[in-house]
């Protein structure tokens, strides 16, 4: 779902965090420290390596979890976000404590939302699928489920690609059977180059993380979603939040949602 964003006069005023950032930068610049000013902006989420425009990527969204704390969803909805993915589960038994609240409140403000699962290397895939299915409602208008595959924050076990896929594939099969939608695979650069280099899981849409540059082709395939920042600041959310784009137009996004089962990713437009 995409809507034209027409801010009210109140929304045209700079948020408090922007006013604070401007003051800090002015002070640093007056002190003659350009490098310090740039470093402060990057570390505090006011300056990003990637800045995809809404004209090039009109479908942009967030992914959040309990780490974002209490979210003011009405404030979030004043910005032109088209979707949000919400962490539901991790491993075989962890359930994100904020999932139910975020799931319901994001729906109330009209955001398209879906759920994601952080896949751990130390639990069987089917145990993890049961955890997700028990936690996430089966709703026809929700976004396809997502599996988060990465090394960061995972357990110390490092299975081979064959061993890992032997657990991930049953997980994906169970979710597709239950929800009737082909899941999306989220992968960091390191994970993709380690376990997806030979086009493993290539029949699933790819959500790729690269916070330094815009990716083109990753391990021989295109991406459907791109996480371009992990330090975005958004009205209604305290602290940093992940920001993402969809590789297509609003009509392509709606078509993808209407398909249910996704055969391939949209190609990027130059």
Protein backbone atom coordinates (compact mmCIF):
# COMPACT_ATOMS: atom_id res chain seq x y z
CA UNK A 1 0.00 0.00 0.00
CA UNK A 2 1.38 3.36 -0.98
CA UNK A 3 -0.10 6.76 -0.20
CA UNK A 4 0.78 10.31 -1.05
CA UNK A 5 2.47 11.98 1.92
CA UNK A 6 1.07 15.45 2.61
CA UNK A 7 2.56 16.71 5.89
CA UNK A 8 0.55 19.11 8.00
CA UNK A 9 2.11 22.42 9.11
CA UNK A 10 2.95 20.82 12.45
CA UNK A 11 4.72 17.96 10.67
CA UNK A 12 6.74 20.46 8.62
CA UNK A 13 8.48 21.64 11.79
CA UNK A 14 11.81 19.92 12.41
CA UNK A 15 11.64 17.09 14.98
CA UNK A 16 13.47 17.70 18.27
CA UNK A 17 16.28 15.26 17.33
CA UNK A 18 16.96 17.20 14.13
CA UNK A 19 17.17 20.50 16.01
CA UNK A 20 19.58 18.97 18.55
CA UNK A 21 21.73 17.53 15.73
CA UNK A 22 21.92 20.91 13.99
CA UNK A 23 23.06 22.62 17.19
CA UNK A 24 25.75 20.00 17.90
CA UNK A 25 27.09 20.16 14.34
CA UNK A 26 27.24 23.97 14.39
CA UNK A 27 29.22 23.87 17.64
CA UNK A 28 31.67 21.32 16.25
CA UNK A 29 32.08 23.22 13.00
CA UNK A 30 32.69 26.49 14.84
CA UNK A 31 35.39 24.72 16.82
CA UNK A 32 37.06 23.81 13.52
CA UNK A 33 36.46 20.06 13.70
CA UNK A 34 34.84 18.95 10.44
CA UNK A 35 35.90 15.31 10.92
CA UNK A 36 34.44 15.25 14.41
CA UNK A 37 31.19 16.72 13.13
CA UNK A 38 30.87 14.07 10.41
CA UNK A 39 31.78 11.28 12.82
CA UNK A 40 29.24 12.45 15.35
CA UNK A 41 26.52 12.59 12.69
CA UNK A 42 27.24 9.03 11.51
CA UNK A 43 27.49 7.50 14.98
CA UNK A 44 24.29 9.14 16.11
CA UNK A 45 22.25 8.21 13.05
CA UNK A 46 21.92 11.63 11.44
CA UNK A 47 24.15 10.89 8.43
CA UNK A 48 24.09 7.66 6.43
CA UNK A 49 26.36 6.08 3.87
CA UNK A 50 23.27 5.13 1.88
CA UNK A 51 20.51 7.65 1.20
CA UNK A 52 18.10 6.09 -1.33
CA UNK A 53 15.52 8.63 -2.41
CA UNK A 54 11.79 8.06 -2.51
CA UNK A 55 11.82 9.06 -6.17
CA UNK A 56 14.11 6.12 -7.01
CA UNK A 57 12.72 3.73 -4.39
CA UNK A 58 9.16 4.87 -3.57
CA UNK A 59 8.41 1.78 -1.45
CA UNK A 60 10.39 2.02 1.78
CA UNK A 61 9.85 0.46 5.18
CA UNK A 62 11.21 -0.48 8.58
CA UNK A 63 12.02 -3.62 10.51
CA UNK A 64 11.69 -3.48 14.27
CA UNK A 65 11.77 -5.58 17.43
CA UNK A 66 11.50 -5.14 21.19
CA UNK A 67 14.87 -3.38 21.02
CA UNK A 68 13.02 -0.27 19.80
CA UNK A 69 11.01 -0.13 23.02
CA UNK A 70 7.55 1.43 23.16
CA UNK A 71 6.73 2.75 19.68
CA UNK A 72 4.36 5.61 18.95
CA UNK A 73 2.83 4.14 15.81
CA UNK A 74 0.71 7.21 15.09
CA UNK A 75 3.91 9.25 14.79
CA UNK A 76 5.57 6.57 12.65
CA UNK A 77 2.59 6.68 10.28
CA UNK A 78 3.07 10.41 9.65
CA UNK A 79 6.15 9.53 7.57
CA UNK A 80 5.81 7.85 4.15
CA UNK A 81 6.66 4.28 5.16
CA UNK A 82 4.90 1.62 3.07
CA UNK A 83 5.56 -1.41 5.26
CA UNK A 84 7.05 -2.69 8.49
CA UNK A 85 8.46 -6.10 9.40
CA UNK A 86 8.18 -7.01 13.07
CA UNK A 87 10.31 -9.55 14.92
CA UNK A 88 8.13 -12.37 16.20
CA UNK A 89 10.42 -15.17 17.29
CA UNK A 90 13.97 -16.46 17.62
CA UNK A 91 15.14 -20.03 17.78
CA UNK A 92 12.86 -22.74 19.14
CA UNK A 93 11.24 -20.96 22.07
CA UNK A 94 12.00 -17.23 22.26
CA UNK A 95 9.05 -14.96 21.52
CA UNK A 96 9.65 -11.24 21.10
CA UNK A 97 7.83 -9.62 24.06
CA UNK A 98 6.73 -6.62 21.99
CA UNK A 99 5.43 -8.57 18.98
CA UNK A 100 1.73 -8.74 19.82
CA UNK A 101 1.59 -5.03 20.70
CA UNK A 102 3.52 -3.95 17.61
CA UNK A 103 1.51 -6.26 15.37
CA UNK A 104 -1.82 -4.83 16.48
CA UNK A 105 -0.84 -1.17 16.74
CA UNK A 106 0.89 -1.07 13.33
CA UNK A 107 -2.31 -2.48 11.81
CA UNK A 108 -4.39 0.23 13.45
CA UNK A 109 -2.42 3.00 11.72
CA UNK A 110 -2.74 1.32 8.33
CA UNK A 111 0.79 0.01 7.79
CA UNK A 112 1.31 -3.15 5.76
CA UNK A 113 3.11 -5.46 8.15
CA UNK A 114 4.75 -8.83 8.25
CA UNK A 115 6.71 -10.90 10.76
CA UNK A 116 10.24 -12.22 10.80
CA UNK A 117 12.08 -15.00 12.60
CA UNK A 118 15.73 -14.96 13.68
CA UNK A 119 17.04 -18.40 12.73
CA UNK A 120 19.54 -19.90 15.16
CA UNK A 121 22.10 -22.54 14.19
CA UNK A 122 21.60 -24.49 17.42
CA UNK A 123 17.96 -25.58 17.12
CA UNK A 124 16.21 -27.84 14.59
CA UNK A 125 14.41 -25.99 11.83
CA UNK A 126 11.03 -27.58 12.53
CA UNK A 127 11.20 -26.55 16.20
CA UNK A 128 11.77 -22.99 15.04
CA UNK A 129 8.92 -23.19 12.53
CA UNK A 130 6.53 -24.33 15.26
CA UNK A 131 7.61 -21.41 17.43
CA UNK A 132 6.89 -18.93 14.61
CA UNK A 133 3.56 -20.48 13.62
CA UNK A 134 2.38 -20.49 17.23
CA UNK A 135 3.22 -16.79 17.53
CA UNK A 136 2.19 -15.18 14.21
CA UNK A 137 -1.48 -15.03 13.19
CA UNK A 138 -2.52 -16.38 9.80
CA UNK A 139 -3.89 -13.25 8.13
CA UNK A 140 -4.50 -12.97 4.40
CA UNK A 141 -3.36 -9.34 4.19
CA UNK A 142 -0.07 -9.73 6.04
CA UNK A 143 3.26 -9.67 4.24
CA UNK A 144 5.03 -12.97 3.50
CA UNK A 145 7.07 -14.27 6.45
CA UNK A 146 10.81 -13.62 6.61
CA UNK A 147 13.67 -15.75 7.94
CA UNK A 148 16.68 -13.79 9.20
CA UNK A 149 19.94 -15.62 8.38
CA UNK A 150 23.09 -14.08 9.81
CA UNK A 151 26.09 -14.77 12.03
CA UNK A 152 25.76 -11.73 14.27
CA UNK A 153 23.95 -12.53 17.51
CA UNK A 154 23.77 -16.22 16.65
CA UNK A 155 25.02 -19.16 18.70
CA UNK A 156 28.65 -20.31 18.44
CA UNK A 157 27.85 -23.36 16.31
CA UNK A 158 28.96 -23.00 12.67
CA UNK A 159 27.39 -25.73 10.53
CA UNK A 160 28.40 -26.42 6.95
CA UNK A 161 26.16 -25.12 4.19
CA UNK A 162 24.71 -28.59 3.70
CA UNK A 163 23.99 -28.99 7.41
CA UNK A 164 22.46 -25.54 7.64
CA UNK A 165 20.19 -25.98 4.63
CA UNK A 166 19.02 -29.31 6.04
CA UNK A 167 17.42 -27.28 8.85
CA UNK A 168 16.48 -24.09 7.01
CA UNK A 169 14.60 -25.83 4.18
CA UNK A 170 12.11 -27.66 6.46
CA UNK A 171 11.56 -24.36 8.27
CA UNK A 172 10.75 -22.57 5.00
CA UNK A 173 8.55 -25.43 3.78
CA UNK A 174 6.52 -25.40 6.99
CA UNK A 175 5.94 -21.63 6.83
CA UNK A 176 4.95 -21.70 3.17
CA UNK A 177 2.52 -24.53 3.77
CA UNK A 178 0.94 -22.82 6.78
CA UNK A 179 0.66 -19.25 5.45
CA UNK A 180 0.32 -19.99 1.75
CA UNK A 181 3.04 -17.45 0.93
CA UNK A 182 6.61 -18.02 -0.16
CA UNK A 183 8.92 -16.76 2.60
CA UNK A 184 11.59 -14.14 2.05
CA UNK A 185 15.23 -14.87 2.96
CA UNK A 186 17.07 -12.04 4.74
CA UNK A 187 20.86 -12.38 4.60
CA UNK A 188 23.85 -10.26 5.49
CA UNK A 189 26.73 -9.93 3.05
CA UNK A 190 28.95 -12.32 5.02
CA UNK A 191 26.24 -14.96 5.32
CA UNK A 192 25.30 -14.74 1.63
CA UNK A 193 28.90 -15.15 0.49
CA UNK A 194 29.42 -18.06 2.89
CA UNK A 195 26.23 -20.08 2.41
CA UNK A 196 24.43 -18.74 -0.67
CA UNK A 197 27.35 -18.42 -3.10
CA UNK A 198 26.21 -21.40 -5.21
CA UNK A 199 22.66 -20.08 -5.54
CA UNK A 200 21.36 -21.93 -2.52
CA UNK A 201 17.77 -20.91 -1.70
CA UNK A 202 17.66 -19.03 -5.01
CA UNK A 203 13.96 -19.86 -5.43
CA UNK A 204 13.17 -17.53 -2.52
CA UNK A 205 13.10 -13.72 -2.72
CA UNK A 206 16.24 -12.18 -1.22
CA UNK A 207 16.35 -9.38 1.35
CA UNK A 208 19.95 -8.17 1.42
CA UNK A 209 21.75 -6.07 4.02
CA UNK A 210 24.39 -3.58 2.89
CA UNK A 211 24.67 -0.36 4.90
CA UNK A 212 27.69 0.95 2.96
CA UNK A 213 26.61 0.91 -0.68
CA UNK A 214 23.73 0.10 -2.99
CA UNK A 215 24.00 -3.57 -4.03
CA UNK A 216 23.47 -4.60 -7.62
CA UNK A 217 23.84 -8.36 -7.97
CA UNK A 218 24.61 -10.56 -4.98
CA UNK A 219 26.00 -14.07 -5.39
CA UNK A 220 24.59 -14.19 -8.90
CA UNK A 221 21.07 -13.01 -8.10
CA UNK A 222 19.03 -9.84 -7.67
CA UNK A 223 17.41 -8.65 -4.48
CA UNK A 224 13.80 -7.87 -3.63
CA UNK A 225 14.47 -5.90 -0.43
CA UNK A 226 17.56 -3.98 0.58
CA UNK A 227 18.34 -2.96 4.15
CA UNK A 228 20.29 0.24 3.61
CA UNK A 229 20.64 1.52 7.18
CA UNK A 230 20.70 0.21 10.73
CA UNK A 231 20.88 3.67 12.30
CA UNK A 232 17.87 5.48 10.88
CA UNK A 233 15.99 7.87 13.12
CA UNK A 234 12.21 7.88 12.80
CA UNK A 235 9.52 9.94 14.49
CA UNK A 236 7.80 7.83 17.15
CA UNK A 237 10.78 5.53 17.74
CA UNK A 238 13.44 6.19 20.38
CA UNK A 239 16.94 5.36 19.21
CA UNK A 240 17.97 3.71 15.96
CA UNK A 241 15.89 1.58 13.60
CA UNK A 242 16.60 -0.44 10.43
CA UNK A 243 15.39 1.06 7.15
CA UNK A 244 14.77 -0.78 3.89
CA UNK A 245 13.62 -0.36 0.31
CA UNK A 246 11.67 -2.58 -2.08
CA UNK A 247 13.19 -3.08 -5.55
CA UNK A 248 10.21 -1.92 -7.51
CA UNK A 249 7.33 0.50 -7.89
CA UNK A 250 4.22 0.69 -5.70
CA UNK A 251 2.28 -1.23 -8.36
CA UNK A 252 4.94 -3.96 -8.37
CA UNK A 253 4.81 -4.09 -4.58
CA UNK A 254 1.05 -4.54 -4.67
CA UNK A 255 1.38 -7.16 -7.40
CA UNK A 256 3.92 -9.04 -5.31
CA UNK A 257 1.58 -9.01 -2.34
CA UNK A 258 -1.24 -10.25 -4.55
CA UNK A 259 0.75 -13.16 -5.93
CA UNK A 260 1.08 -14.98 -2.63
CA UNK A 261 3.79 -17.19 -4.08
CA UNK A 262 6.78 -15.35 -5.52
CA UNK A 263 8.73 -16.92 -8.35
CA UNK A 264 11.55 -14.39 -8.63
CA UNK A 265 12.66 -10.92 -7.59
CA UNK A 266 11.98 -7.82 -9.65
CA UNK A 267 14.97 -6.58 -11.57
CA UNK A 268 16.41 -3.24 -10.58
CA UNK A 269 15.75 -0.31 -12.83
CA UNK A 270 18.69 1.85 -13.88
